[in-house]
Full PDB file with SEQRES, HELIX, SHEET, SSBOND, CRYST1, ORIGX, SCALE, CONECT and MASTER records, all heavy atoms in Angstrom:
SEQRES   1 A   36  GLN ARG ARG ALA ARG PRO ARG VAL LEU ALA LEU LEU ALA          
SEQRES   2 A   36  SER GLY ARG PHE ASP LEU VAL HIS HIS VAL THR TRP GLY          
SEQRES   3 A   36  ASN PHE ARG TRP PRO VAL PRO LEU HIS GLY                      
HELIX    1 AA1 ALA A    4  SER A   14  1                                  11    
CRYST1    1.000    1.000    1.000  90.00  90.00  90.00 P 1           1          
ORIGX1      1.000000  0.000000  0.000000        0.00000                         
ORIGX2      0.000000  1.000000  0.000000        0.00000                         
ORIGX3      0.000000  0.000000  1.000000        0.00000                         
SCALE1      1.000000  0.000000  0.000000        0.00000                         
SCALE2      0.000000  1.000000  0.000000        0.00000                         
SCALE3      0.000000  0.000000  1.000000        0.00000                         
ATOM      1  N   GLN A   1      18.707 -31.618  22.022  1.00  0.00           N  
ATOM      2  CA  GLN A   1      17.581 -31.329  22.887  1.00  0.00           C  
ATOM      3  C   GLN A   1      17.309 -29.838  22.987  1.00  0.00           C  
ATOM      4  O   GLN A   1      16.170 -29.405  22.996  1.00  0.00           O  
ATOM      5  CB  GLN A   1      17.781 -31.909  24.282  1.00  0.00           C  
ATOM      6  CG  GLN A   1      17.627 -33.391  24.393  1.00  0.00           C  
ATOM      7  CD  GLN A   1      16.131 -33.832  24.198  1.00  0.00           C  
ATOM      8  OE1 GLN A   1      15.270 -33.042  23.940  1.00  0.00           O  
ATOM      9  NE2 GLN A   1      15.915 -35.114  24.278  1.00  0.00           N  
ATOM     10  N   ARG A   2      18.378 -29.043  23.037  1.00  0.00           N  
ATOM     11  CA  ARG A   2      18.166 -27.574  23.071  1.00  0.00           C  
ATOM     12  C   ARG A   2      17.559 -27.098  21.743  1.00  0.00           C  
ATOM     13  O   ARG A   2      16.731 -26.190  21.775  1.00  0.00           O  
ATOM     14  CB  ARG A   2      19.512 -26.896  23.364  1.00  0.00           C  
ATOM     15  CG  ARG A   2      19.991 -27.041  24.806  1.00  0.00           C  
ATOM     16  CD  ARG A   2      21.074 -26.037  25.108  1.00  0.00           C  
ATOM     17  NE  ARG A   2      22.319 -26.380  24.375  1.00  0.00           N  
ATOM     18  CZ  ARG A   2      23.263 -27.178  24.817  1.00  0.00           C  
ATOM     19  NH1 ARG A   2      23.141 -27.763  25.979  1.00  0.00           N  
ATOM     20  NH2 ARG A   2      24.347 -27.370  24.092  1.00  0.00           N  
ATOM     21  N   ARG A   3      17.973 -27.713  20.639  1.00  0.00           N  
ATOM     22  CA  ARG A   3      17.368 -27.360  19.367  1.00  0.00           C  
ATOM     23  C   ARG A   3      15.911 -27.854  19.273  1.00  0.00           C  
ATOM     24  O   ARG A   3      15.093 -27.282  18.558  1.00  0.00           O  
ATOM     25  CB  ARG A   3      18.167 -27.996  18.215  1.00  0.00           C  
ATOM     26  CG  ARG A   3      19.484 -27.266  17.933  1.00  0.00           C  
ATOM     27  CD  ARG A   3      19.253 -26.035  17.043  1.00  0.00           C  
ATOM     28  NE  ARG A   3      18.634 -26.377  15.778  1.00  0.00           N  
ATOM     29  CZ  ARG A   3      19.305 -26.795  14.707  1.00  0.00           C  
ATOM     30  NH1 ARG A   3      20.630 -26.971  14.778  1.00  0.00           N  
ATOM     31  NH2 ARG A   3      18.685 -27.077  13.595  1.00  0.00           N  
ATOM     32  N   ALA A   4      15.610 -28.935  19.999  1.00  0.00           N  
ATOM     33  CA  ALA A   4      14.261 -29.500  19.929  1.00  0.00           C  
ATOM     34  C   ALA A   4      13.244 -28.615  20.598  1.00  0.00           C  
ATOM     35  O   ALA A   4      12.070 -28.618  20.214  1.00  0.00           O  
ATOM     36  CB  ALA A   4      14.280 -30.920  20.580  1.00  0.00           C  
ATOM     37  N   ARG A   5      13.628 -27.869  21.632  1.00  0.00           N  
ATOM     38  CA  ARG A   5      12.638 -27.044  22.374  1.00  0.00           C  
ATOM     39  C   ARG A   5      11.912 -26.093  21.437  1.00  0.00           C  
ATOM     40  O   ARG A   5      10.636 -26.086  21.417  1.00  0.00           O  
ATOM     41  CB  ARG A   5      13.292 -26.342  23.527  1.00  0.00           C  
ATOM     42  CG  ARG A   5      12.299 -25.481  24.320  1.00  0.00           C  
ATOM     43  CD  ARG A   5      12.955 -24.773  25.500  1.00  0.00           C  
ATOM     44  NE  ARG A   5      11.991 -23.863  26.084  1.00  0.00           N  
ATOM     45  CZ  ARG A   5      11.084 -24.212  26.983  1.00  0.00           C  
ATOM     46  NH1 ARG A   5      11.045 -25.451  27.404  1.00  0.00           N  
ATOM     47  NH2 ARG A   5      10.262 -23.273  27.498  1.00  0.00           N  
ATOM     48  N   PRO A   6      12.602 -25.259  20.659  1.00  0.00           N  
ATOM     49  CA  PRO A   6      11.827 -24.337  19.755  1.00  0.00           C  
ATOM     50  C   PRO A   6      11.000 -25.104  18.733  1.00  0.00           C  
ATOM     51  O   PRO A   6       9.909 -24.645  18.353  1.00  0.00           O  
ATOM     52  CB  PRO A   6      12.896 -23.482  19.092  1.00  0.00           C  
ATOM     53  CG  PRO A   6      14.176 -24.189  19.335  1.00  0.00           C  
ATOM     54  CD  PRO A   6      14.048 -24.935  20.612  1.00  0.00           C  
ATOM     55  N   ARG A   7      11.478 -26.286  18.311  1.00  0.00           N  
ATOM     56  CA  ARG A   7      10.681 -27.076  17.348  1.00  0.00           C  
ATOM     57  C   ARG A   7       9.402 -27.569  18.033  1.00  0.00           C  
ATOM     58  O   ARG A   7       8.345 -27.589  17.424  1.00  0.00           O  
ATOM     59  CB  ARG A   7      11.547 -28.229  16.845  1.00  0.00           C  
ATOM     60  CG  ARG A   7      10.884 -29.067  15.774  1.00  0.00           C  
ATOM     61  CD  ARG A   7      10.717 -28.335  14.467  1.00  0.00           C  
ATOM     62  NE  ARG A   7      10.307 -29.235  13.401  1.00  0.00           N  
ATOM     63  CZ  ARG A   7      11.141 -29.925  12.633  1.00  0.00           C  
ATOM     64  NH1 ARG A   7      12.445 -29.830  12.813  1.00  0.00           N  
ATOM     65  NH2 ARG A   7      10.665 -30.748  11.690  1.00  0.00           N  
ATOM     66  N   VAL A   8       9.530 -28.034  19.269  1.00  0.00           N  
ATOM     67  CA  VAL A   8       8.352 -28.478  20.009  1.00  0.00           C  
ATOM     68  C   VAL A   8       7.369 -27.327  20.184  1.00  0.00           C  
ATOM     69  O   VAL A   8       6.158 -27.487  19.969  1.00  0.00           O  
ATOM     70  CB  VAL A   8       8.751 -29.042  21.386  1.00  0.00           C  
ATOM     71  CG1 VAL A   8       7.557 -29.189  22.305  1.00  0.00           C  
ATOM     72  CG2 VAL A   8       9.469 -30.367  21.210  1.00  0.00           C  
ATOM     73  N   LEU A   9       7.836 -26.137  20.533  1.00  0.00           N  
ATOM     74  CA  LEU A   9       6.971 -24.967  20.700  1.00  0.00           C  
ATOM     75  C   LEU A   9       6.278 -24.621  19.372  1.00  0.00           C  
ATOM     76  O   LEU A   9       5.081 -24.288  19.360  1.00  0.00           O  
ATOM     77  CB  LEU A   9       7.772 -23.761  21.225  1.00  0.00           C  
ATOM     78  CG  LEU A   9       8.256 -23.905  22.662  1.00  0.00           C  
ATOM     79  CD1 LEU A   9       9.223 -22.767  23.017  1.00  0.00           C  
ATOM     80  CD2 LEU A   9       7.109 -23.941  23.631  1.00  0.00           C  
ATOM     81  N   ALA A  10       7.015 -24.728  18.246  1.00  0.00           N  
ATOM     82  CA  ALA A  10       6.405 -24.467  16.970  1.00  0.00           C  
ATOM     83  C   ALA A  10       5.334 -25.444  16.633  1.00  0.00           C  
ATOM     84  O   ALA A  10       4.249 -25.100  16.084  1.00  0.00           O  
ATOM     85  CB  ALA A  10       7.489 -24.422  15.875  1.00  0.00           C  
ATOM     86  N   LEU A  11       5.575 -26.750  16.933  1.00  0.00           N  
ATOM     87  CA  LEU A  11       4.564 -27.791  16.680  1.00  0.00           C  
ATOM     88  C   LEU A  11       3.340 -27.565  17.548  1.00  0.00           C  
ATOM     89  O   LEU A  11       2.208 -27.755  17.097  1.00  0.00           O  
ATOM     90  CB  LEU A  11       5.170 -29.149  16.928  1.00  0.00           C  
ATOM     91  CG  LEU A  11       6.192 -29.634  15.872  1.00  0.00           C  
ATOM     92  CD1 LEU A  11       6.929 -30.882  16.352  1.00  0.00           C  
ATOM     93  CD2 LEU A  11       5.522 -29.920  14.534  1.00  0.00           C  
ATOM     94  N   LEU A  12       3.536 -27.161  18.782  1.00  0.00           N  
ATOM     95  CA  LEU A  12       2.409 -26.893  19.668  1.00  0.00           C  
ATOM     96  C   LEU A  12       1.575 -25.740  19.166  1.00  0.00           C  
ATOM     97  O   LEU A  12       0.354 -25.707  19.294  1.00  0.00           O  
ATOM     98  CB  LEU A  12       2.901 -26.630  21.077  1.00  0.00           C  
ATOM     99  CG  LEU A  12       3.516 -27.800  21.842  1.00  0.00           C  
ATOM    100  CD1 LEU A  12       4.000 -27.364  23.214  1.00  0.00           C  
ATOM    101  CD2 LEU A  12       2.530 -28.945  21.995  1.00  0.00           C  
ATOM    102  N   ALA A  13       2.245 -24.735  18.576  1.00  0.00           N  
ATOM    103  CA  ALA A  13       1.544 -23.569  18.079  1.00  0.00           C  
ATOM    104  C   ALA A  13       0.793 -23.872  16.809  1.00  0.00           C  
ATOM    105  O   ALA A  13      -0.235 -23.260  16.536  1.00  0.00           O  
ATOM    106  CB  ALA A  13       2.539 -22.425  17.840  1.00  0.00           C  
ATOM    107  N   SER A  14       1.255 -24.856  16.028  1.00  0.00           N  
ATOM    108  CA  SER A  14       0.644 -25.105  14.709  1.00  0.00           C  
ATOM    109  C   SER A  14      -0.458 -26.141  14.761  1.00  0.00           C  
ATOM    110  O   SER A  14      -1.245 -26.292  13.832  1.00  0.00           O  
ATOM    111  CB  SER A  14       1.707 -25.546  13.706  1.00  0.00           C  
ATOM    112  OG  SER A  14       2.305 -26.772  14.146  1.00  0.00           O  
ATOM    113  N   GLY A  15      -0.532 -26.896  15.864  1.00  0.00           N  
ATOM    114  CA  GLY A  15      -1.542 -27.934  15.969  1.00  0.00           C  
ATOM    115  C   GLY A  15      -1.932 -28.172  17.410  1.00  0.00           C  
ATOM    116  O   GLY A  15      -1.149 -27.924  18.308  1.00  0.00           O  
ATOM    117  N   ARG A  16      -3.146 -28.646  17.646  1.00  0.00           N  
ATOM    118  CA  ARG A  16      -3.618 -28.846  18.994  1.00  0.00           C  
ATOM    119  C   ARG A  16      -3.089 -30.164  19.525  1.00  0.00           C  
ATOM    120  O   ARG A  16      -3.438 -31.249  19.036  1.00  0.00           O  
ATOM    121  CB  ARG A  16      -5.147 -28.849  19.024  1.00  0.00           C  
ATOM    122  CG  ARG A  16      -5.721 -28.881  20.458  1.00  0.00           C  
ATOM    123  CD  ARG A  16      -7.208 -28.980  20.431  1.00  0.00           C  
ATOM    124  NE  ARG A  16      -7.632 -30.328  19.904  1.00  0.00           N  
ATOM    125  CZ  ARG A  16      -7.672 -31.424  20.661  1.00  0.00           C  
ATOM    126  NH1 ARG A  16      -7.262 -31.381  21.922  1.00  0.00           N  
ATOM    127  NH2 ARG A  16      -8.082 -32.575  20.129  1.00  0.00           N  
ATOM    128  N   PHE A  17      -2.240 -30.064  20.483  1.00  0.00           N  
ATOM    129  CA  PHE A  17      -1.748 -31.251  21.204  1.00  0.00           C  
ATOM    130  C   PHE A  17      -2.221 -31.228  22.633  1.00  0.00           C  
ATOM    131  O   PHE A  17      -2.276 -30.171  23.278  1.00  0.00           O  
ATOM    132  CB  PHE A  17      -0.220 -31.351  21.153  1.00  0.00           C  
ATOM    133  CG  PHE A  17       0.340 -31.721  19.798  1.00  0.00           C  
ATOM    134  CD1 PHE A  17       0.740 -30.723  18.898  1.00  0.00           C  
ATOM    135  CD2 PHE A  17       0.490 -33.033  19.424  1.00  0.00           C  
ATOM    136  CE1 PHE A  17       1.229 -31.067  17.649  1.00  0.00           C  
ATOM    137  CE2 PHE A  17       1.020 -33.375  18.181  1.00  0.00           C  
ATOM    138  CZ  PHE A  17       1.357 -32.375  17.295  1.00  0.00           C  
ATOM    139  N   ASP A  18      -2.530 -32.395  23.161  1.00  0.00           N  
ATOM    140  CA  ASP A  18      -3.009 -32.466  24.536  1.00  0.00           C  
ATOM    141  C   ASP A  18      -1.896 -32.785  25.503  1.00  0.00           C  
ATOM    142  O   ASP A  18      -2.021 -32.564  26.734  1.00  0.00           O  
ATOM    143  CB  ASP A  18      -4.045 -33.598  24.653  1.00  0.00           C  
ATOM    144  CG  ASP A  18      -5.245 -33.370  23.721  1.00  0.00           C  
ATOM    145  OD1 ASP A  18      -5.914 -32.362  23.903  1.00  0.00           O  
ATOM    146  OD2 ASP A  18      -5.436 -34.195  22.825  1.00  0.00           O  
ATOM    147  N   LEU A  19      -0.745 -33.291  24.995  1.00  0.00           N  
ATOM    148  CA  LEU A  19       0.278 -33.769  25.855  1.00  0.00           C  
ATOM    149  C   LEU A  19       1.600 -33.817  25.137  1.00  0.00           C  
ATOM    150  O   LEU A  19       1.636 -34.151  23.949  1.00  0.00           O  
ATOM    151  CB  LEU A  19      -0.074 -35.167  26.340  1.00  0.00           C  
ATOM    152  CG  LEU A  19       0.798 -35.906  27.364  1.00  0.00           C  
ATOM    153  CD1 LEU A  19       0.566 -35.295  28.744  1.00  0.00           C  
ATOM    154  CD2 LEU A  19       0.472 -37.389  27.393  1.00  0.00           C  
ATOM    155  N   VAL A  20       2.694 -33.489  25.830  1.00  0.00           N  
ATOM    156  CA  VAL A  20       4.039 -33.726  25.310  1.00  0.00           C  
ATOM    157  C   VAL A  20       4.699 -34.787  26.185  1.00  0.00           C  
ATOM    158  O   VAL A  20       4.659 -34.718  27.429  1.00  0.00           O  
ATOM    159  CB  VAL A  20       4.879 -32.461  25.314  1.00  0.00           C  
ATOM    160  CG1 VAL A  20       6.340 -32.759  24.979  1.00  0.00           C  
ATOM    161  CG2 VAL A  20       4.313 -31.432  24.362  1.00  0.00           C  
ATOM    162  N   HIS A  21       5.272 -35.816  25.566  1.00  0.00           N  
ATOM    163  CA  HIS A  21       5.901 -36.897  26.266  1.00  0.00           C  
ATOM    164  C   HIS A  21       7.356 -37.037  25.791  1.00  0.00           C  
ATOM    165  O   HIS A  21       7.600 -37.383  24.649  1.00  0.00           O  
ATOM    166  CB  HIS A  21       5.110 -38.200  26.057  1.00  0.00           C  
ATOM    167  CG  HIS A  21       5.647 -39.354  26.819  1.00  0.00           C  
ATOM    168  ND1 HIS A  21       5.110 -40.629  26.763  1.00  0.00           N  
ATOM    169  CD2 HIS A  21       6.751 -39.519  27.662  1.00  0.00           C  
ATOM    170  CE1 HIS A  21       5.767 -41.467  27.536  1.00  0.00           C  
ATOM    171  NE2 HIS A  21       6.808 -40.807  28.075  1.00  0.00           N  
ATOM    172  N   HIS A  22       8.297 -36.794  26.687  1.00  0.00           N  
ATOM    173  CA  HIS A  22       9.707 -36.997  26.393  1.00  0.00           C  
ATOM    174  C   HIS A  22      10.065 -38.425  26.784  1.00  0.00           C  
ATOM    175  O   HIS A  22       9.903 -38.803  27.953  1.00  0.00           O  
ATOM    176  CB  HIS A  22      10.585 -36.017  27.134  1.00  0.00           C  
ATOM    177  CG  HIS A  22      12.062 -36.411  27.056  1.00  0.00           C  
ATOM    178  ND1 HIS A  22      12.867 -36.078  25.983  1.00  0.00           N  
ATOM    179  CD2 HIS A  22      12.853 -37.128  27.887  1.00  0.00           C  
ATOM    180  CE1 HIS A  22      14.061 -36.573  26.181  1.00  0.00           C  
ATOM    181  NE2 HIS A  22      14.104 -37.221  27.338  1.00  0.00           N  
ATOM    182  N   VAL A  23      10.538 -39.234  25.808  1.00  0.00           N  
ATOM    183  CA  VAL A  23      10.788 -40.643  26.099  1.00  0.00           C  
ATOM    184  C   VAL A  23      12.251 -41.060  25.949  1.00  0.00           C  
ATOM    185  O   VAL A  23      12.701 -41.950  26.668  1.00  0.00           O  
ATOM    186  CB  VAL A  23       9.842 -41.535  25.226  1.00  0.00           C  
ATOM    187  CG1 VAL A  23      10.173 -41.452  23.784  1.00  0.00           C  
ATOM    188  CG2 VAL A  23       9.856 -42.989  25.716  1.00  0.00           C  
ATOM    189  N   THR A  24      13.020 -40.485  25.017  1.00  0.00           N  
ATOM    190  CA  THR A  24      14.410 -40.836  24.894  1.00  0.00           C  
ATOM    191  C   THR A  24      15.243 -39.584  24.611  1.00  0.00           C  
ATOM    192  O   THR A  24      14.783 -38.688  23.907  1.00  0.00           O  
ATOM    193  CB  THR A  24      14.698 -41.823  23.723  1.00  0.00           C  
ATOM    194  OG1 THR A  24      14.308 -41.254  22.502  1.00  0.00           O  
ATOM    195  CG2 THR A  24      13.924 -43.106  23.931  1.00  0.00           C  
ATOM    196  N   TRP A  25      16.481 -39.604  25.187  1.00  0.00           N  
ATOM    197  CA  TRP A  25      17.067 -40.574  26.040  1.00  0.00           C  
ATOM    198  C   TRP A  25      16.369 -40.627  27.399  1.00  0.00           C  
ATOM    199  O   TRP A  25      15.895 -39.601  27.894  1.00  0.00           O  
ATOM    200  CB  TRP A  25      18.540 -40.306  26.267  1.00  0.00           C  
ATOM    201  CG  TRP A  25      19.407 -40.561  25.077  1.00  0.00           C  
ATOM    202  CD1 TRP A  25      19.107 -41.187  23.930  1.00  0.00           C  
ATOM    203  CD2 TRP A  25      20.791 -40.224  25.009  1.00  0.00           C  
ATOM    204  NE1 TRP A  25      20.190 -41.241  23.118  1.00  0.00           N  
ATOM    205  CE2 TRP A  25      21.254 -40.674  23.774  1.00  0.00           C  
ATOM    206  CE3 TRP A  25      21.681 -39.591  25.861  1.00  0.00           C  
ATOM    207  CZ2 TRP A  25      22.544 -40.489  23.353  1.00  0.00           C  
ATOM    208  CZ3 TRP A  25      23.010 -39.415  25.476  1.00  0.00           C  
ATOM    209  CH2 TRP A  25      23.411 -39.878  24.210  1.00  0.00           C  
ATOM    210  N   GLY A  26      16.389 -41.782  28.021  1.00  0.00           N  
ATOM    211  CA  GLY A  26      15.745 -41.947  29.283  1.00  0.00           C  
ATOM    212  C   GLY A  26      16.745 -42.016  30.433  1.00  0.00           C  
ATOM    213  O   GLY A  26      16.869 -43.026  31.094  1.00  0.00           O  
ATOM    214  N   ASN A  27      17.478 -40.925  30.667  1.00  0.00           N  
ATOM    215  CA  ASN A  27      18.420 -40.878  31.787  1.00  0.00           C  
ATOM    216  C   ASN A  27      18.136 -39.634  32.599  1.00  0.00           C  
ATOM    217  O   ASN A  27      18.175 -38.474  32.065  1.00  0.00           O  
ATOM    218  CB  ASN A  27      19.862 -40.873  31.292  1.00  0.00           C  
ATOM    219  CG  ASN A  27      20.871 -41.101  32.423  1.00  0.00           C  
ATOM    220  OD1 ASN A  27      20.873 -40.397  33.423  1.00  0.00           O  
ATOM    221  ND2 ASN A  27      21.726 -42.091  32.226  1.00  0.00           N  
ATOM    222  N   PHE A  28      17.881 -39.786  33.883  1.00  0.00           N  
ATOM    223  CA  PHE A  28      17.487 -38.667  34.696  1.00  0.00           C  
ATOM    224  C   PHE A  28      18.548 -37.600  34.846  1.00  0.00           C  
ATOM    225  O   PHE A  28      18.236 -36.434  35.138  1.00  0.00           O  
ATOM    226  CB  PHE A  28      17.030 -39.158  36.097  1.00  0.00           C  
ATOM    227  CG  PHE A  28      18.125 -39.189  37.116  1.00  0.00           C  
ATOM    228  CD1 PHE A  28      18.326 -38.171  38.045  1.00  0.00           C  
ATOM    229  CD2 PHE A  28      18.972 -40.317  37.203  1.00  0.00           C  
ATOM    230  CE1 PHE A  28      19.318 -38.226  38.961  1.00  0.00           C  
ATOM    231  CE2 PHE A  28      19.983 -40.372  38.141  1.00  0.00           C  
ATOM    232  CZ  PHE A  28      20.154 -39.306  39.031  1.00  0.00           C  
ATOM    233  N   ARG A  29      19.828 -37.935  34.638  1.00  0.00           N  
ATOM    234  CA  ARG A  29      20.913 -36.992  34.867  1.00  0.00           C  
ATOM    235  C   ARG A  29      21.084 -35.995  33.724  1.00  0.00           C  
ATOM    236  O   ARG A  29      21.840 -35.055  33.864  1.00  0.00           O  
ATOM    237  CB  ARG A  29      22.215 -37.762  35.109  1.00  0.00           C  
ATOM    238  CG  ARG A  29      22.178 -38.691  36.268  1.00  0.00           C  
ATOM    239  CD  ARG A  29      23.576 -39.173  36.652  1.00  0.00           C  
ATOM    240  NE  ARG A  29      24.314 -39.706  35.532  1.00  0.00           N  
ATOM    241  CZ  ARG A  29      24.242 -40.972  35.102  1.00  0.00           C  
ATOM    242  NH1 ARG A  29      23.441 -41.819  35.714  1.00  0.00           N  
ATOM    243  NH2 ARG A  29      24.961 -41.407  34.094  1.00  0.00           N  
ATOM    244  N   TRP A  30      20.447 -36.244  32.605  1.00  0.00           N  
ATOM    245  CA  TRP A  30      20.607 -35.344  31.457  1.00  0.00           C  
ATOM    246  C   TRP A  30      19.330 -34.496  31.337  1.00  0.00           C  
ATOM    247  O   TRP A  30      18.287 -35.023  30.937  1.00  0.00           O  
ATOM    248  CB  TRP A  30      20.886 -36.136  30.209  1.00  0.00           C  
ATOM    249  CG  TRP A  30      22.146 -36.939  30.337  1.00  0.00           C  
ATOM    250  CD1 TRP A  30      23.265 -36.603  31.061  1.00  0.00           C  
ATOM    251  CD2 TRP A  30      22.436 -38.206  29.803  1.00  0.00           C  
ATOM    252  NE1 TRP A  30      24.212 -37.574  30.980  1.00  0.00           N  
ATOM    253  CE2 TRP A  30      23.711 -38.581  30.213  1.00  0.00           C  
ATOM    254  CE3 TRP A  30      21.710 -39.097  28.960  1.00  0.00           C  
ATOM    255  CZ2 TRP A  30      24.326 -39.771  29.857  1.00  0.00           C  
ATOM    256  CZ3 TRP A  30      22.326 -40.275  28.614  1.00  0.00           C  
ATOM    257  CH2 TRP A  30      23.622 -40.607  29.004  1.00  0.00           C  
ATOM    258  N   PRO A  31      19.421 -33.232  31.685  1.00  0.00           N  
ATOM    259  CA  PRO A  31      18.198 -32.374  31.760  1.00  0.00           C  
ATOM    260  C   PRO A  31      17.408 -32.342  30.468  1.00  0.00           C  
ATOM    261  O   PRO A  31      17.968 -32.399  29.365  1.00  0.00           O  
ATOM    262  CB  PRO A  31      18.780 -31.007  32.069  1.00  0.00           C  
ATOM    263  CG  PRO A  31      20.107 -31.270  32.677  1.00  0.00           C  
ATOM    264  CD  PRO A  31      20.627 -32.514  32.001  1.00  0.00           C  
ATOM    265  N   VAL A  32      16.092 -32.281  30.600  1.00  0.00           N  
ATOM    266  CA  VAL A  32      15.160 -32.215  29.478  1.00  0.00           C  
ATOM    267  C   VAL A  32      14.646 -30.782  29.370  1.00  0.00           C  
ATOM    268  O   VAL A  32      13.863 -30.374  30.246  1.00  0.00           O  
ATOM    269  CB  VAL A  32      14.017 -33.191  29.648  1.00  0.00           C  
ATOM    270  CG1 VAL A  32      13.079 -33.155  28.455  1.00  0.00           C  
ATOM    271  CG2 VAL A  32      14.509 -34.612  29.876  1.00  0.00           C  
ATOM    272  N   PRO A  33      15.069 -29.983  28.415  1.00  0.00           N  
ATOM    273  CA  PRO A  33      14.640 -28.588  28.373  1.00  0.00           C  
ATOM    274  C   PRO A  33      13.242 -28.389  27.791  1.00  0.00           C  
ATOM    275  O   PRO A  33      13.030 -27.659  26.806  1.00  0.00           O  
ATOM    276  CB  PRO A  33      15.724 -27.937  27.469  1.00  0.00           C  
ATOM    277  CG  PRO A  33      16.125 -29.044  26.541  1.00  0.00           C  
ATOM    278  CD  PRO A  33      16.011 -30.331  27.370  1.00  0.00           C  
ATOM    279  N   LEU A  34      12.277 -29.050  28.363  1.00  0.00           N  
ATOM    280  CA  LEU A  34      10.890 -28.944  27.899  1.00  0.00           C  
ATOM    281  C   LEU A  34       9.965 -28.442  29.025  1.00  0.00           C  
ATOM    282  O   LEU A  34       8.746 -28.626  28.936  1.00  0.00           O  
ATOM    283  CB  LEU A  34      10.408 -30.297  27.397  1.00  0.00           C  
ATOM    284  CG  LEU A  34      11.089 -30.824  26.158  1.00  0.00           C  
ATOM    285  CD1 LEU A  34      10.585 -32.220  25.771  1.00  0.00           C  
ATOM    286  CD2 LEU A  34      10.879 -29.870  24.941  1.00  0.00           C  
ATOM    287  N   HIS A  35      10.499 -27.805  30.029  1.00  0.00           N  
ATOM    288  CA  HIS A  35       9.717 -27.263  31.100  1.00  0.00           C  
ATOM    289  C   HIS A  35       8.924 -26.041  30.603  1.00  0.00           C  
ATOM    290  O   HIS A  35       9.319 -25.401  29.607  1.00  0.00           O  
ATOM    291  CB  HIS A  35      10.589 -26.859  32.277  1.00  0.00           C  
ATOM    292  CG  HIS A  35      11.694 -25.954  31.884  1.00  0.00           C  
ATOM    293  ND1 HIS A  35      12.840 -26.404  31.271  1.00  0.00           N  
ATOM    294  CD2 HIS A  35      11.807 -24.583  31.954  1.00  0.00           C  
ATOM    295  CE1 HIS A  35      13.644 -25.373  31.019  1.00  0.00           C  
ATOM    296  NE2 HIS A  35      13.054 -24.248  31.403  1.00  0.00           N  
ATOM    297  N   GLY A  36       7.889 -25.702  31.286  1.00  0.00           N  
ATOM    298  CA  GLY A  36       7.118 -24.498  30.986  1.00  0.00           C  
ATOM    299  C   GLY A  36       6.327 -24.525  29.709  1.00  0.00           C  
ATOM    300  O   GLY A  36       6.044 -23.494  29.089  1.00  0.00           O  
TER     301      GLY A  36                                                      
MASTER        0    0    0    1    0    0    0    6  300    1    0    3          
END                                                                             
């Protein structure tokens, strides 16, 4: 997930996305580093 954050930012920069949806894993206790 930590590696995914820069990849997500790169994808957002290269194409127009309206929304990011994190779906798995779906456990609230494991932080999702996709804020901001």
